[in-house]
Amino acid sequence: MKLTIFGATGGTGQHLVSQALDAGHHVTAVVRDPARLHQAPHPRLEPVIAEVMDPDAIRASLTGRDAVVSALGPRAKAEATVCADGARSIITAMRAAGTRRLIVVTASGHVVDSGDGPLNRFLVKPLLRQLLRTGFTDFAHTDQAVRTSGLDWTIMRPPRLTDGAHRPYRTAVDENVRGGITIARADLAHAILAALADPATIGHSLALGY
């Protein structure tokens, strides 16, 4: 596939770029600072410097692509709405470019309780929603933008991300993975590529966890 990846310099994005190239895909990595893309030069890797919040600036990087992945995340408090604002910009640009397949990463727990056990549902998740209110609000607005986009979307809902090594993980469609409180960034990247290849994930959220 020809993929465009936003957030390619982040923890998950780095794994996603590497795994996509290993799988034989062509990757367009839209970045603000190419020096942060810690990936050796590759004939199927095309770094593009563009501002994700400007639909006109990113439209060319979406034209003719098979799919788009947003692994955007905030690096500072000033970027508290980066996921939702980025998603809206990407959706606008995708409509103009005629590209339909979209995968967006948010998080488990901010809107969905289905699948959780009593401890997570009534204690852990409510506490996290208070502590991480700003981030969860951003994710909720991101979900809303994606769900109403009219595109062929999938929302990935990982729990707490780690830098652990690959190991077997579980997934759940439109509900949380019971007891799945962590996932390695490498495994999230693996699951994103698997979802891209599975049309059954279109129009659904996909939770992950060990």
N, C-alpha and C. Protein backbone atom coordinates (compact mmCIF):
# COMPACT_ATOMS: atom_id res chain seq x y z
N MET A 1 0.83 -1.20 0.00
CA MET A 1 0.00 0.00 0.00
C MET A 1 0.87 1.26 0.00
N LYS A 2 0.28 2.34 -0.44
CA LYS A 2 0.89 3.66 -0.31
C LYS A 2 0.24 4.33 0.90
N LEU A 3 1.04 4.54 1.95
CA LEU A 3 0.52 5.07 3.22
C LEU A 3 1.07 6.46 3.49
N THR A 4 0.22 7.29 4.08
CA THR A 4 0.68 8.57 4.63
C THR A 4 0.51 8.51 6.14
N ILE A 5 1.57 8.83 6.87
CA ILE A 5 1.56 8.73 8.32
C ILE A 5 1.81 10.10 8.94
N PHE A 6 0.91 10.51 9.83
CA PHE A 6 1.08 11.71 10.63
C PHE A 6 1.47 11.28 12.05
N GLY A 7 2.35 12.06 12.68
CA GLY A 7 2.87 11.64 13.97
C GLY A 7 3.99 10.64 13.82
N ALA A 8 4.66 10.66 12.67
CA ALA A 8 5.69 9.66 12.36
C ALA A 8 6.92 9.78 13.23
N THR A 9 7.12 10.93 13.89
CA THR A 9 8.30 11.10 14.73
C THR A 9 8.02 10.74 16.19
N GLY A 10 6.78 10.38 16.52
CA GLY A 10 6.44 9.99 17.88
C GLY A 10 6.82 8.54 18.15
N GLY A 11 6.59 8.12 19.39
CA GLY A 11 6.97 6.77 19.78
C GLY A 11 6.29 5.70 18.96
N THR A 12 4.98 5.80 18.79
CA THR A 12 4.26 4.83 17.97
C THR A 12 4.57 5.03 16.49
N GLY A 13 4.64 6.27 16.06
CA GLY A 13 4.90 6.57 14.65
C GLY A 13 6.21 6.00 14.15
N GLN A 14 7.25 6.04 14.98
CA GLN A 14 8.55 5.50 14.59
C GLN A 14 8.43 4.00 14.30
N HIS A 15 7.76 3.28 15.19
CA HIS A 15 7.55 1.85 14.96
C HIS A 15 6.70 1.61 13.71
N LEU A 16 5.70 2.44 13.53
CA LEU A 16 4.80 2.27 12.39
C LEU A 16 5.53 2.45 11.07
N VAL A 17 6.36 3.48 10.99
CA VAL A 17 7.14 3.70 9.76
C VAL A 17 8.05 2.51 9.49
N SER A 18 8.77 2.06 10.51
CA SER A 18 9.70 0.96 10.34
C SER A 18 9.00 -0.33 9.93
N GLN A 19 7.90 -0.65 10.61
CA GLN A 19 7.18 -1.90 10.30
C GLN A 19 6.51 -1.83 8.93
N ALA A 20 6.01 -0.66 8.56
CA ALA A 20 5.38 -0.52 7.25
C ALA A 20 6.40 -0.72 6.13
N LEU A 21 7.59 -0.17 6.31
CA LEU A 21 8.64 -0.36 5.31
C LEU A 21 9.06 -1.83 5.25
N ASP A 22 9.19 -2.46 6.40
CA ASP A 22 9.55 -3.88 6.43
C ASP A 22 8.50 -4.74 5.73
N ALA A 23 7.24 -4.30 5.78
CA ALA A 23 6.15 -5.06 5.16
C ALA A 23 6.02 -4.77 3.67
N GLY A 24 6.85 -3.86 3.15
CA GLY A 24 6.84 -3.59 1.72
C GLY A 24 5.99 -2.42 1.28
N HIS A 25 5.45 -1.65 2.24
CA HIS A 25 4.62 -0.50 1.89
C HIS A 25 5.48 0.71 1.52
N HIS A 26 4.89 1.62 0.77
CA HIS A 26 5.49 2.92 0.51
C HIS A 26 4.95 3.89 1.55
N VAL A 27 5.85 4.61 2.24
CA VAL A 27 5.45 5.46 3.35
C VAL A 27 5.78 6.92 3.06
N THR A 28 4.76 7.78 3.15
CA THR A 28 4.95 9.23 3.17
C THR A 28 4.81 9.67 4.61
N ALA A 29 5.87 10.17 5.19
CA ALA A 29 5.87 10.62 6.58
C ALA A 29 5.80 12.13 6.62
N VAL A 30 4.65 12.66 7.07
CA VAL A 30 4.46 14.11 7.15
C VAL A 30 4.98 14.58 8.50
N VAL A 31 6.01 15.44 8.47
CA VAL A 31 6.68 15.85 9.70
C VAL A 31 6.93 17.35 9.69
N ARG A 32 7.13 17.90 10.88
CA ARG A 32 7.56 19.29 10.99
C ARG A 32 9.08 19.39 11.01
N ASP A 33 9.72 18.38 11.59
CA ASP A 33 11.18 18.39 11.71
C ASP A 33 11.72 17.02 11.27
N PRO A 34 12.24 16.90 10.06
CA PRO A 34 12.72 15.60 9.58
C PRO A 34 13.86 15.02 10.41
N ALA A 35 14.57 15.86 11.16
CA ALA A 35 15.65 15.37 12.01
C ALA A 35 15.13 14.45 13.11
N ARG A 36 13.85 14.59 13.45
CA ARG A 36 13.26 13.75 14.49
C ARG A 36 12.80 12.40 13.96
N LEU A 37 12.86 12.21 12.64
CA LEU A 37 12.47 10.94 12.04
C LEU A 37 13.68 10.01 12.04
N HIS A 38 13.81 9.21 13.09
CA HIS A 38 15.00 8.38 13.28
C HIS A 38 14.88 7.10 12.46
N GLN A 39 14.89 7.28 11.17
CA GLN A 39 14.76 6.17 10.23
C GLN A 39 15.80 6.36 9.13
N ALA A 40 16.57 5.33 8.87
CA ALA A 40 17.58 5.42 7.81
C ALA A 40 16.91 5.68 6.47
N PRO A 41 17.58 6.39 5.57
CA PRO A 41 17.02 6.61 4.23
C PRO A 41 16.60 5.30 3.59
N HIS A 42 15.45 5.33 2.93
CA HIS A 42 14.88 4.12 2.35
C HIS A 42 14.21 4.49 1.04
N PRO A 43 14.32 3.65 0.01
CA PRO A 43 13.73 4.00 -1.29
C PRO A 43 12.21 4.13 -1.26
N ARG A 44 11.56 3.53 -0.24
CA ARG A 44 10.10 3.63 -0.16
C ARG A 44 9.65 4.57 0.95
N LEU A 45 10.56 5.38 1.48
CA LEU A 45 10.21 6.36 2.50
C LEU A 45 10.35 7.76 1.94
N GLU A 46 9.27 8.53 2.02
CA GLU A 46 9.26 9.91 1.52
C GLU A 46 8.89 10.87 2.65
N PRO A 47 9.88 11.50 3.27
CA PRO A 47 9.55 12.51 4.29
C PRO A 47 9.02 13.78 3.61
N VAL A 48 7.96 14.34 4.18
CA VAL A 48 7.37 15.58 3.66
C VAL A 48 7.24 16.55 4.83
N ILE A 49 7.79 17.74 4.67
CA ILE A 49 7.68 18.77 5.69
C ILE A 49 6.42 19.59 5.42
N ALA A 50 5.47 19.52 6.35
CA ALA A 50 4.21 20.24 6.18
C ALA A 50 3.55 20.42 7.54
N GLU A 51 2.70 21.42 7.64
CA GLU A 51 1.95 21.69 8.86
C GLU A 51 0.61 20.95 8.80
N VAL A 52 0.44 19.99 9.70
CA VAL A 52 -0.74 19.14 9.66
C VAL A 52 -2.03 19.93 9.82
N MET A 53 -1.98 21.07 10.49
CA MET A 53 -3.19 21.85 10.73
C MET A 53 -3.65 22.65 9.50
N ASP A 54 -2.90 22.57 8.42
CA ASP A 54 -3.24 23.29 7.18
C ASP A 54 -3.66 22.27 6.12
N PRO A 55 -4.96 22.09 5.88
CA PRO A 55 -5.40 21.07 4.91
C PRO A 55 -4.80 21.26 3.52
N ASP A 56 -4.63 22.52 3.09
CA ASP A 56 -4.06 22.76 1.77
C ASP A 56 -2.59 22.31 1.71
N ALA A 57 -1.89 22.45 2.83
CA ALA A 57 -0.46 22.09 2.86
C ALA A 57 -0.24 20.58 2.82
N ILE A 58 -1.21 19.80 3.31
CA ILE A 58 -1.02 18.35 3.37
C ILE A 58 -1.77 17.59 2.27
N ARG A 59 -2.58 18.28 1.50
CA ARG A 59 -3.41 17.58 0.52
C ARG A 59 -2.58 16.79 -0.49
N ALA A 60 -1.48 17.37 -0.97
CA ALA A 60 -0.65 16.67 -1.96
C ALA A 60 -0.08 15.38 -1.40
N SER A 61 0.20 15.35 -0.09
CA SER A 61 0.77 14.14 0.50
C SER A 61 -0.27 13.04 0.70
N LEU A 62 -1.55 13.36 0.47
CA LEU A 62 -2.63 12.40 0.61
C LEU A 62 -3.17 11.93 -0.74
N THR A 63 -2.88 12.66 -1.77
CA THR A 63 -3.39 12.34 -3.11
C THR A 63 -2.75 11.06 -3.63
N GLY A 64 -3.58 10.14 -4.08
CA GLY A 64 -3.08 8.90 -4.64
C GLY A 64 -2.65 7.88 -3.61
N ARG A 65 -2.94 8.11 -2.33
CA ARG A 65 -2.56 7.17 -1.29
C ARG A 65 -3.70 6.19 -1.02
N ASP A 66 -3.32 5.00 -0.57
CA ASP A 66 -4.32 3.98 -0.25
C ASP A 66 -4.91 4.17 1.14
N ALA A 67 -4.14 4.74 2.04
CA ALA A 67 -4.62 4.91 3.41
C ALA A 67 -3.80 5.97 4.12
N VAL A 68 -4.41 6.51 5.18
CA VAL A 68 -3.79 7.55 6.01
C VAL A 68 -3.89 7.11 7.47
N VAL A 69 -2.81 7.30 8.22
CA VAL A 69 -2.80 6.99 9.64
C VAL A 69 -2.40 8.23 10.42
N SER A 70 -3.20 8.56 11.45
CA SER A 70 -2.84 9.65 12.36
C SER A 70 -2.48 9.06 13.72
N ALA A 71 -1.20 9.20 14.06
CA ALA A 71 -0.71 8.82 15.39
C ALA A 71 -0.27 10.07 16.13
N LEU A 72 -0.98 11.17 15.90
CA LEU A 72 -0.63 12.44 16.52
C LEU A 72 -0.84 12.39 18.03
N GLY A 73 -0.02 13.15 18.74
CA GLY A 73 -0.18 13.29 20.18
C GLY A 73 0.47 14.57 20.64
N PRO A 74 0.01 15.14 21.73
CA PRO A 74 0.56 16.41 22.21
C PRO A 74 1.95 16.24 22.82
N ARG A 75 2.81 17.25 22.62
CA ARG A 75 4.11 17.27 23.28
C ARG A 75 4.17 18.35 24.35
N ALA A 76 3.15 19.20 24.41
CA ALA A 76 3.14 20.29 25.39
C ALA A 76 1.69 20.63 25.71
N LYS A 77 1.49 21.32 26.86
CA LYS A 77 0.13 21.70 27.25
C LYS A 77 -0.52 22.60 26.22
N ALA A 78 0.29 23.35 25.48
CA ALA A 78 -0.24 24.25 24.47
C ALA A 78 -0.86 23.50 23.31
N GLU A 79 -0.56 22.18 23.22
CA GLU A 79 -1.09 21.37 22.13
C GLU A 79 -2.24 20.49 22.61
N ALA A 80 -3.04 21.00 23.53
CA ALA A 80 -4.07 20.20 24.18
C ALA A 80 -5.16 19.72 23.23
N THR A 81 -5.30 20.34 22.06
CA THR A 81 -6.34 19.93 21.11
C THR A 81 -5.73 19.41 19.81
N VAL A 82 -4.47 18.98 19.87
CA VAL A 82 -3.76 18.62 18.64
C VAL A 82 -4.39 17.42 17.94
N CYS A 83 -4.88 16.45 18.68
CA CYS A 83 -5.44 15.25 18.04
C CYS A 83 -6.72 15.57 17.28
N ALA A 84 -7.64 16.31 17.92
CA ALA A 84 -8.89 16.66 17.27
C ALA A 84 -8.68 17.64 16.13
N ASP A 85 -7.86 18.67 16.37
CA ASP A 85 -7.60 19.65 15.31
C ASP A 85 -6.89 18.99 14.13
N GLY A 86 -5.93 18.12 14.44
CA GLY A 86 -5.24 17.41 13.38
C GLY A 86 -6.17 16.51 12.60
N ALA A 87 -7.05 15.80 13.29
CA ALA A 87 -8.00 14.91 12.62
C ALA A 87 -8.91 15.69 11.68
N ARG A 88 -9.41 16.83 12.14
CA ARG A 88 -10.29 17.63 11.28
C ARG A 88 -9.56 18.10 10.03
N SER A 89 -8.31 18.53 10.19
CA SER A 89 -7.53 18.99 9.05
C SER A 89 -7.27 17.85 8.08
N ILE A 90 -6.88 16.69 8.61
CA ILE A 90 -6.62 15.52 7.77
C ILE A 90 -7.87 15.10 7.02
N ILE A 91 -9.01 15.08 7.70
CA ILE A 91 -10.27 14.69 7.07
C ILE A 91 -10.61 15.65 5.93
N THR A 92 -10.46 16.95 6.17
CA THR A 92 -10.73 17.94 5.12
C THR A 92 -9.83 17.70 3.91
N ALA A 93 -8.54 17.47 4.16
CA ALA A 93 -7.59 17.24 3.07
C ALA A 93 -7.88 15.93 2.35
N MET A 94 -8.27 14.89 3.08
CA MET A 94 -8.59 13.61 2.45
C MET A 94 -9.80 13.72 1.53
N ARG A 95 -10.80 14.46 1.96
CA ARG A 95 -11.97 14.66 1.10
C ARG A 95 -11.56 15.35 -0.19
N ALA A 96 -10.71 16.36 -0.09
CA ALA A 96 -10.26 17.09 -1.28
C ALA A 96 -9.40 16.21 -2.18
N ALA A 97 -8.62 15.31 -1.56
CA ALA A 97 -7.71 14.45 -2.33
C ALA A 97 -8.40 13.20 -2.86
N GLY A 98 -9.59 12.89 -2.34
CA GLY A 98 -10.29 11.69 -2.78
C GLY A 98 -9.78 10.41 -2.14
N THR A 99 -9.09 10.52 -1.01
CA THR A 99 -8.57 9.36 -0.29
C THR A 99 -9.54 9.00 0.83
N ARG A 100 -9.85 7.70 1.00
CA ARG A 100 -10.95 7.35 1.89
C ARG A 100 -10.55 6.59 3.16
N ARG A 101 -9.48 5.81 3.13
CA ARG A 101 -9.18 4.94 4.28
C ARG A 101 -8.37 5.70 5.33
N LEU A 102 -8.91 5.73 6.55
CA LEU A 102 -8.31 6.51 7.64
C LEU A 102 -8.27 5.69 8.92
N ILE A 103 -7.11 5.67 9.56
CA ILE A 103 -6.98 5.09 10.90
C ILE A 103 -6.44 6.17 11.83
N VAL A 104 -7.11 6.34 12.97
CA VAL A 104 -6.72 7.36 13.95
C VAL A 104 -6.53 6.69 15.30
N VAL A 105 -5.46 7.06 15.99
CA VAL A 105 -5.17 6.52 17.32
C VAL A 105 -5.69 7.50 18.37
N THR A 106 -6.52 7.00 19.29
CA THR A 106 -6.91 7.79 20.46
C THR A 106 -6.49 7.01 21.71
N ALA A 107 -7.44 6.57 22.54
CA ALA A 107 -7.06 5.82 23.75
C ALA A 107 -8.28 5.08 24.28
N SER A 108 -8.03 4.03 25.04
CA SER A 108 -9.13 3.33 25.68
C SER A 108 -9.59 4.10 26.91
N GLY A 109 -10.85 3.93 27.25
CA GLY A 109 -11.31 4.42 28.53
C GLY A 109 -11.94 5.78 28.57
N HIS A 110 -11.77 6.62 27.51
CA HIS A 110 -12.29 7.98 27.64
C HIS A 110 -13.78 8.07 27.34
N VAL A 111 -14.30 7.14 26.56
CA VAL A 111 -15.74 7.17 26.27
C VAL A 111 -16.39 5.80 26.39
N VAL A 112 -15.61 4.73 26.36
CA VAL A 112 -16.16 3.38 26.31
C VAL A 112 -15.88 2.63 27.60
N ASP A 113 -16.91 2.04 28.20
CA ASP A 113 -16.75 1.19 29.38
C ASP A 113 -17.04 -0.26 29.07
N SER A 114 -17.72 -0.53 27.97
CA SER A 114 -18.09 -1.89 27.62
C SER A 114 -16.86 -2.78 27.54
N GLY A 115 -16.94 -3.95 28.17
CA GLY A 115 -15.83 -4.88 28.19
C GLY A 115 -14.99 -4.80 29.44
N ASP A 116 -15.10 -3.72 30.20
CA ASP A 116 -14.31 -3.55 31.41
C ASP A 116 -14.89 -4.34 32.58
N GLY A 117 -14.01 -4.76 33.48
CA GLY A 117 -14.45 -5.35 34.73
C GLY A 117 -14.87 -4.26 35.71
N PRO A 118 -15.47 -4.64 36.84
CA PRO A 118 -15.97 -3.64 37.81
C PRO A 118 -14.89 -2.69 38.31
N LEU A 119 -13.67 -3.18 38.57
CA LEU A 119 -12.61 -2.32 39.10
C LEU A 119 -12.28 -1.20 38.13
N ASN A 120 -12.10 -1.55 36.86
CA ASN A 120 -11.80 -0.52 35.86
C ASN A 120 -12.98 0.40 35.63
N ARG A 121 -14.16 -0.18 35.54
CA ARG A 121 -15.35 0.59 35.18
C ARG A 121 -15.71 1.62 36.25
N PHE A 122 -15.62 1.23 37.52
CA PHE A 122 -16.14 2.10 38.58
C PHE A 122 -15.07 2.82 39.39
N LEU A 123 -13.80 2.42 39.25
CA LEU A 123 -12.76 3.07 40.04
C LEU A 123 -11.64 3.63 39.16
N VAL A 124 -10.98 2.77 38.42
CA VAL A 124 -9.79 3.21 37.67
C VAL A 124 -10.15 4.20 36.58
N LYS A 125 -11.12 3.88 35.74
CA LYS A 125 -11.46 4.75 34.61
C LYS A 125 -11.99 6.11 35.06
N PRO A 126 -12.92 6.18 36.04
CA PRO A 126 -13.36 7.49 36.50
C PRO A 126 -12.22 8.35 37.04
N LEU A 127 -11.27 7.71 37.74
CA LEU A 127 -10.13 8.45 38.27
C LEU A 127 -9.26 8.98 37.12
N LEU A 128 -9.00 8.14 36.14
CA LEU A 128 -8.19 8.58 35.00
C LEU A 128 -8.87 9.71 34.24
N ARG A 129 -10.18 9.66 34.12
CA ARG A 129 -10.89 10.71 33.39
C ARG A 129 -10.77 12.05 34.09
N GLN A 130 -10.63 12.02 35.40
CA GLN A 130 -10.41 13.27 36.12
C GLN A 130 -8.98 13.75 35.98
N LEU A 131 -8.03 12.83 36.14
CA LEU A 131 -6.61 13.20 36.08
C LEU A 131 -6.18 13.61 34.68
N LEU A 132 -6.75 12.96 33.67
CA LEU A 132 -6.34 13.19 32.27
C LEU A 132 -7.46 13.85 31.48
N ARG A 133 -8.18 14.75 32.15
CA ARG A 133 -9.39 15.33 31.57
C ARG A 133 -9.11 16.02 30.23
N THR A 134 -8.03 16.78 30.16
CA THR A 134 -7.74 17.54 28.93
C THR A 134 -7.47 16.60 27.76
N GLY A 135 -6.63 15.59 27.99
CA GLY A 135 -6.32 14.65 26.93
C GLY A 135 -7.52 13.83 26.51
N PHE A 136 -8.31 13.39 27.47
CA PHE A 136 -9.49 12.59 27.14
C PHE A 136 -10.53 13.43 26.39
N THR A 137 -10.63 14.71 26.73
CA THR A 137 -11.54 15.59 25.99
C THR A 137 -11.11 15.71 24.54
N ASP A 138 -9.80 15.85 24.35
CA ASP A 138 -9.26 15.91 22.99
C ASP A 138 -9.59 14.63 22.23
N PHE A 139 -9.42 13.48 22.87
CA PHE A 139 -9.71 12.21 22.21
C PHE A 139 -11.19 12.09 21.87
N ALA A 140 -12.07 12.55 22.79
CA ALA A 140 -13.50 12.47 22.53
C ALA A 140 -13.89 13.31 21.33
N HIS A 141 -13.31 14.50 21.22
CA HIS A 141 -13.58 15.35 20.06
C HIS A 141 -12.99 14.75 18.78
N THR A 142 -11.85 14.07 18.92
CA THR A 142 -11.27 13.37 17.77
C THR A 142 -12.21 12.28 17.28
N ASP A 143 -12.71 11.48 18.21
CA ASP A 143 -13.64 10.41 17.85
C ASP A 143 -14.85 10.96 17.10
N GLN A 144 -15.40 12.05 17.60
CA GLN A 144 -16.57 12.65 16.98
C GLN A 144 -16.28 13.07 15.54
N ALA A 145 -15.14 13.71 15.33
CA ALA A 145 -14.77 14.15 13.99
C ALA A 145 -14.58 12.97 13.05
N VAL A 146 -13.96 11.92 13.55
CA VAL A 146 -13.69 10.75 12.70
C VAL A 146 -14.98 10.01 12.37
N ARG A 147 -15.83 9.81 13.38
CA ARG A 147 -17.06 9.06 13.17
C ARG A 147 -18.03 9.75 12.20
N THR A 148 -17.97 11.06 12.14
CA THR A 148 -18.88 11.80 11.26
C THR A 148 -18.20 12.24 9.97
N SER A 149 -17.02 11.69 9.69
CA SER A 149 -16.23 12.13 8.53
C SER A 149 -16.78 11.65 7.19
N GLY A 150 -17.53 10.54 7.23
CA GLY A 150 -17.98 9.96 5.97
C GLY A 150 -16.89 9.14 5.28
N LEU A 151 -15.74 8.98 5.92
CA LEU A 151 -14.63 8.22 5.35
C LEU A 151 -14.69 6.77 5.84
N ASP A 152 -13.79 5.95 5.33
CA ASP A 152 -13.68 4.55 5.76
C ASP A 152 -12.71 4.49 6.94
N TRP A 153 -13.23 4.73 8.13
CA TRP A 153 -12.39 4.97 9.28
C TRP A 153 -12.31 3.76 10.22
N THR A 154 -11.23 3.73 10.98
CA THR A 154 -11.07 2.84 12.12
C THR A 154 -10.39 3.65 13.22
N ILE A 155 -10.89 3.53 14.45
CA ILE A 155 -10.28 4.21 15.61
C ILE A 155 -9.57 3.16 16.45
N MET A 156 -8.29 3.35 16.68
CA MET A 156 -7.50 2.46 17.54
C MET A 156 -7.53 3.01 18.96
N ARG A 157 -7.83 2.13 19.94
CA ARG A 157 -7.94 2.55 21.33
C ARG A 157 -6.95 1.78 22.21
N PRO A 158 -5.70 2.21 22.25
CA PRO A 158 -4.74 1.53 23.13
C PRO A 158 -4.89 1.99 24.58
N PRO A 159 -4.50 1.13 25.54
CA PRO A 159 -4.37 1.57 26.93
C PRO A 159 -3.02 2.24 27.13
N ARG A 160 -2.47 2.20 28.31
CA ARG A 160 -1.17 2.85 28.58
C ARG A 160 -0.09 2.25 27.69
N LEU A 161 0.64 3.13 27.01
CA LEU A 161 1.67 2.69 26.07
C LEU A 161 3.00 2.50 26.76
N THR A 162 3.73 1.46 26.34
CA THR A 162 5.05 1.17 26.90
C THR A 162 6.04 1.00 25.76
N ASP A 163 7.30 0.90 26.11
CA ASP A 163 8.35 0.64 25.13
C ASP A 163 8.80 -0.81 25.16
N GLY A 164 7.92 -1.69 25.58
CA GLY A 164 8.25 -3.11 25.67
C GLY A 164 8.40 -3.77 24.31
N ALA A 165 8.89 -5.00 24.34
CA ALA A 165 9.09 -5.78 23.13
C ALA A 165 7.77 -6.40 22.68
N HIS A 166 7.77 -6.82 21.43
CA HIS A 166 6.57 -7.46 20.87
C HIS A 166 6.22 -8.74 21.62
N ARG A 167 4.93 -8.92 21.90
CA ARG A 167 4.43 -10.17 22.44
C ARG A 167 2.96 -10.29 22.08
N PRO A 168 2.37 -11.46 22.23
CA PRO A 168 0.96 -11.62 21.84
C PRO A 168 0.06 -10.64 22.58
N TYR A 169 -0.89 -10.07 21.87
CA TYR A 169 -1.83 -9.14 22.47
C TYR A 169 -3.25 -9.49 22.06
N ARG A 170 -4.21 -8.90 22.76
CA ARG A 170 -5.61 -9.14 22.46
C ARG A 170 -6.24 -7.90 21.86
N THR A 171 -7.28 -8.08 21.08
CA THR A 171 -8.05 -6.96 20.54
C THR A 171 -9.54 -7.19 20.80
N ALA A 172 -10.29 -6.11 20.77
CA ALA A 172 -11.75 -6.18 20.93
C ALA A 172 -12.38 -5.10 20.07
N VAL A 173 -13.46 -5.44 19.41
CA VAL A 173 -14.14 -4.51 18.51
C VAL A 173 -15.26 -3.79 19.25
N ASP A 174 -15.19 -2.46 19.25
CA ASP A 174 -16.22 -1.59 19.83
C ASP A 174 -16.41 -1.79 21.33
N GLU A 175 -15.42 -2.34 22.01
CA GLU A 175 -15.42 -2.41 23.46
C GLU A 175 -13.98 -2.55 23.92
N ASN A 176 -13.75 -2.39 25.23
CA ASN A 176 -12.40 -2.47 25.75
C ASN A 176 -11.96 -3.92 25.95
N VAL A 177 -10.66 -4.13 25.97
CA VAL A 177 -10.09 -5.44 26.28
C VAL A 177 -10.07 -5.60 27.79
N ARG A 178 -10.81 -6.56 28.30
CA ARG A 178 -10.92 -6.71 29.74
C ARG A 178 -9.56 -7.05 30.36
N GLY A 179 -9.13 -6.23 31.32
CA GLY A 179 -7.86 -6.43 31.98
C GLY A 179 -6.66 -5.99 31.17
N GLY A 180 -6.89 -5.46 29.97
CA GLY A 180 -5.78 -5.02 29.13
C GLY A 180 -5.39 -3.60 29.46
N ILE A 181 -4.41 -3.44 30.36
CA ILE A 181 -4.08 -2.10 30.86
C ILE A 181 -2.83 -1.51 30.21
N THR A 182 -2.08 -2.32 29.46
CA THR A 182 -0.91 -1.80 28.76
C THR A 182 -0.81 -2.42 27.38
N ILE A 183 -0.04 -1.74 26.51
CA ILE A 183 0.30 -2.28 25.20
C ILE A 183 1.61 -1.61 24.77
N ALA A 184 2.50 -2.36 24.19
CA ALA A 184 3.74 -1.77 23.69
C ALA A 184 3.47 -0.98 22.41
N ARG A 185 4.21 0.09 22.24
CA ARG A 185 4.05 0.89 21.03
C ARG A 185 4.30 0.06 19.77
N ALA A 186 5.24 -0.86 19.86
CA ALA A 186 5.53 -1.73 18.72
C ALA A 186 4.32 -2.59 18.36
N ASP A 187 3.58 -3.05 19.37
CA ASP A 187 2.41 -3.87 19.11
C ASP A 187 1.23 -3.03 18.62
N LEU A 188 1.13 -1.79 19.10
CA LEU A 188 0.11 -0.89 18.55
C LEU A 188 0.37 -0.66 17.06
N ALA A 189 1.62 -0.43 16.69
CA ALA A 189 1.95 -0.25 15.27
C ALA A 189 1.59 -1.50 14.47
N HIS A 190 1.89 -2.67 15.02
CA HIS A 190 1.55 -3.93 14.37
C HIS A 190 0.04 -4.05 14.15
N ALA A 191 -0.73 -3.67 15.18
CA ALA A 191 -2.19 -3.77 15.08
C ALA A 191 -2.76 -2.78 14.06
N ILE A 192 -2.14 -1.61 13.96
CA ILE A 192 -2.59 -0.62 12.96
C ILE A 192 -2.43 -1.18 11.56
N LEU A 193 -1.29 -1.77 11.27
CA LEU A 193 -1.06 -2.33 9.94
C LEU A 193 -2.00 -3.50 9.67
N ALA A 194 -2.29 -4.30 10.69
CA ALA A 194 -3.24 -5.40 10.53
C ALA A 194 -4.63 -4.87 10.23
N ALA A 195 -5.03 -3.79 10.91
CA ALA A 195 -6.35 -3.20 10.68
C ALA A 195 -6.46 -2.63 9.27
N LEU A 196 -5.37 -2.03 8.78
CA LEU A 196 -5.39 -1.49 7.42
C LEU A 196 -5.69 -2.58 6.40
N ALA A 197 -5.24 -3.79 6.68
CA ALA A 197 -5.42 -4.90 5.74
C ALA A 197 -6.75 -5.62 5.94
N ASP A 198 -7.53 -5.20 6.93
CA ASP A 198 -8.78 -5.90 7.26
C ASP A 198 -9.97 -4.98 7.08
N PRO A 199 -10.71 -5.10 5.98
CA PRO A 199 -11.87 -4.22 5.75
C PRO A 199 -12.97 -4.38 6.80
N ALA A 200 -12.95 -5.46 7.56
CA ALA A 200 -13.97 -5.65 8.60
C ALA A 200 -13.82 -4.64 9.72
N THR A 201 -12.68 -3.98 9.83
CA THR A 201 -12.48 -2.98 10.89
C THR A 201 -13.04 -1.61 10.51
N ILE A 202 -13.45 -1.43 9.28
CA ILE A 202 -13.96 -0.13 8.84
C ILE A 202 -15.26 0.20 9.58
N GLY A 203 -15.32 1.41 10.10
CA GLY A 203 -16.51 1.85 10.83
C GLY A 203 -16.57 1.35 12.26
N HIS A 204 -15.43 0.91 12.80
CA HIS A 204 -15.40 0.37 14.16
C HIS A 204 -14.20 0.93 14.92
N SER A 205 -14.28 0.84 16.25
CA SER A 205 -13.11 1.09 17.09
C SER A 205 -12.50 -0.26 17.45
N LEU A 206 -11.18 -0.25 17.65
CA LEU A 206 -10.46 -1.48 17.96
C LEU A 206 -9.60 -1.23 19.19
N ALA A 207 -9.95 -1.90 20.29
CA ALA A 207 -9.17 -1.78 21.52
C ALA A 207 -8.11 -2.85 21.56
N LEU A 208 -7.03 -2.58 22.33
CA LEU A 208 -5.92 -3.51 22.43
C LEU A 208 -5.50 -3.66 23.88
N GLY A 209 -4.76 -4.72 24.15
CA GLY A 209 -4.20 -4.92 25.47
C GLY A 209 -3.65 -6.33 25.61
N TYR A 210 -2.86 -6.53 26.65
CA TYR A 210 -2.28 -7.87 26.89
C TYR A 210 -3.20 -8.71 27.77
